[in-house]
Amino acid sequence: MVYHGKYNTPEDLMLDKSLSDKEKIDMLKKWRDDEKSLLRASSEGMQGDDRPDILKQVKKALISLQKTT
């Protein structure tokens, strides 16, 4: 899954110098929520792209950004 048509991983998003920290936080929160929804749907038997590793990466990126703001 490519997020927002541009980012393959949270690290890609974090390295984007054109985004402010607030924009990155907002995007990461949305990404986190989307991944949680996919996991929930997958656990309910729906087909989905089950990638808990991406959810962990998103949470880690959020934590690192929130420490600096």
Protein backbone atom coordinates (compact mmCIF):
# COMPACT_ATOMS: atom_id res chain seq x y z
CA MET A 1 0.00 0.00 0.00
CA VAL A 2 1.37 3.37 -0.99
CA TYR A 3 0.14 6.01 1.38
CA HIS A 4 -1.18 9.24 -0.07
CA GLY A 5 0.11 8.06 -3.45
CA LYS A 6 3.67 8.86 -2.46
CA TYR A 7 4.98 7.11 0.67
CA ASN A 8 5.78 3.40 0.86
CA THR A 9 6.85 3.58 4.50
CA PRO A 10 6.52 6.01 7.40
CA GLU A 11 10.26 6.66 7.02
CA ASP A 12 9.64 7.95 3.49
CA LEU A 13 7.10 10.40 4.90
CA MET A 14 9.46 11.44 7.69
CA LEU A 15 12.20 12.24 5.16
CA ASP A 16 9.98 14.54 3.11
CA LYS A 17 11.46 17.99 3.78
CA SER A 18 8.50 19.72 2.10
CA LEU A 19 6.22 18.81 5.04
CA SER A 20 6.11 20.53 8.41
CA ASP A 21 6.18 18.43 11.59
CA LYS A 22 2.48 19.19 12.10
CA GLU A 23 1.66 17.97 8.59
CA LYS A 24 3.68 14.81 9.18
CA ILE A 25 1.90 14.19 12.49
CA ASP A 26 -1.50 14.69 10.88
CA MET A 27 -0.66 12.33 8.02
CA LEU A 28 0.81 9.72 10.36
CA LYS A 29 -2.29 9.82 12.57
CA LYS A 30 -4.49 9.28 9.51
CA TRP A 31 -2.21 6.48 8.32
CA ARG A 32 -2.34 4.89 11.80
CA ASP A 33 -6.13 5.04 11.84
CA ASP A 34 -6.34 3.55 8.35
CA GLU A 35 -4.02 0.68 9.30
CA LYS A 36 -6.04 0.01 12.46
CA SER A 37 -9.21 -0.15 10.36
CA LEU A 38 -7.57 -2.61 7.97
CA LEU A 39 -6.46 -4.81 10.87
CA ARG A 40 -9.93 -4.70 12.38
CA ALA A 41 -11.54 -5.65 9.06
CA SER A 42 -9.03 -8.45 8.60
CA SER A 43 -9.78 -9.84 12.05
CA GLU A 44 -13.49 -9.82 11.17
CA GLY A 45 -12.83 -12.05 8.17
CA MET A 46 -12.70 -9.39 5.49
CA GLN A 47 -9.90 -9.47 2.97
CA GLY A 48 -7.36 -6.78 3.60
CA ASP A 49 -3.71 -5.90 3.44
CA ASP A 50 -2.74 -7.10 6.93
CA ARG A 51 0.49 -5.26 7.73
CA PRO A 52 0.94 -4.87 11.48
CA ASP A 53 4.62 -4.02 10.88
CA ILE A 54 3.58 -0.79 9.13
CA LEU A 55 1.33 0.11 12.06
CA LYS A 56 4.31 -0.28 14.41
CA GLN A 57 6.45 1.90 12.14
CA VAL A 58 3.76 4.58 12.01
CA LYS A 59 3.43 4.61 15.80
CA LYS A 60 7.21 4.83 16.21
CA ALA A 61 7.40 7.77 13.78
CA LEU A 62 4.56 9.54 15.60
CA ILE A 63 6.30 9.13 18.94
CA SER A 64 9.56 10.53 17.59
CA LEU A 65 7.80 13.56 16.08
CA GLN A 66 5.71 14.26 19.15
CA LYS A 67 8.82 14.32 21.32
CA THR A 68 10.27 17.13 19.23
CA THR A 69 7.14 19.31 19.19
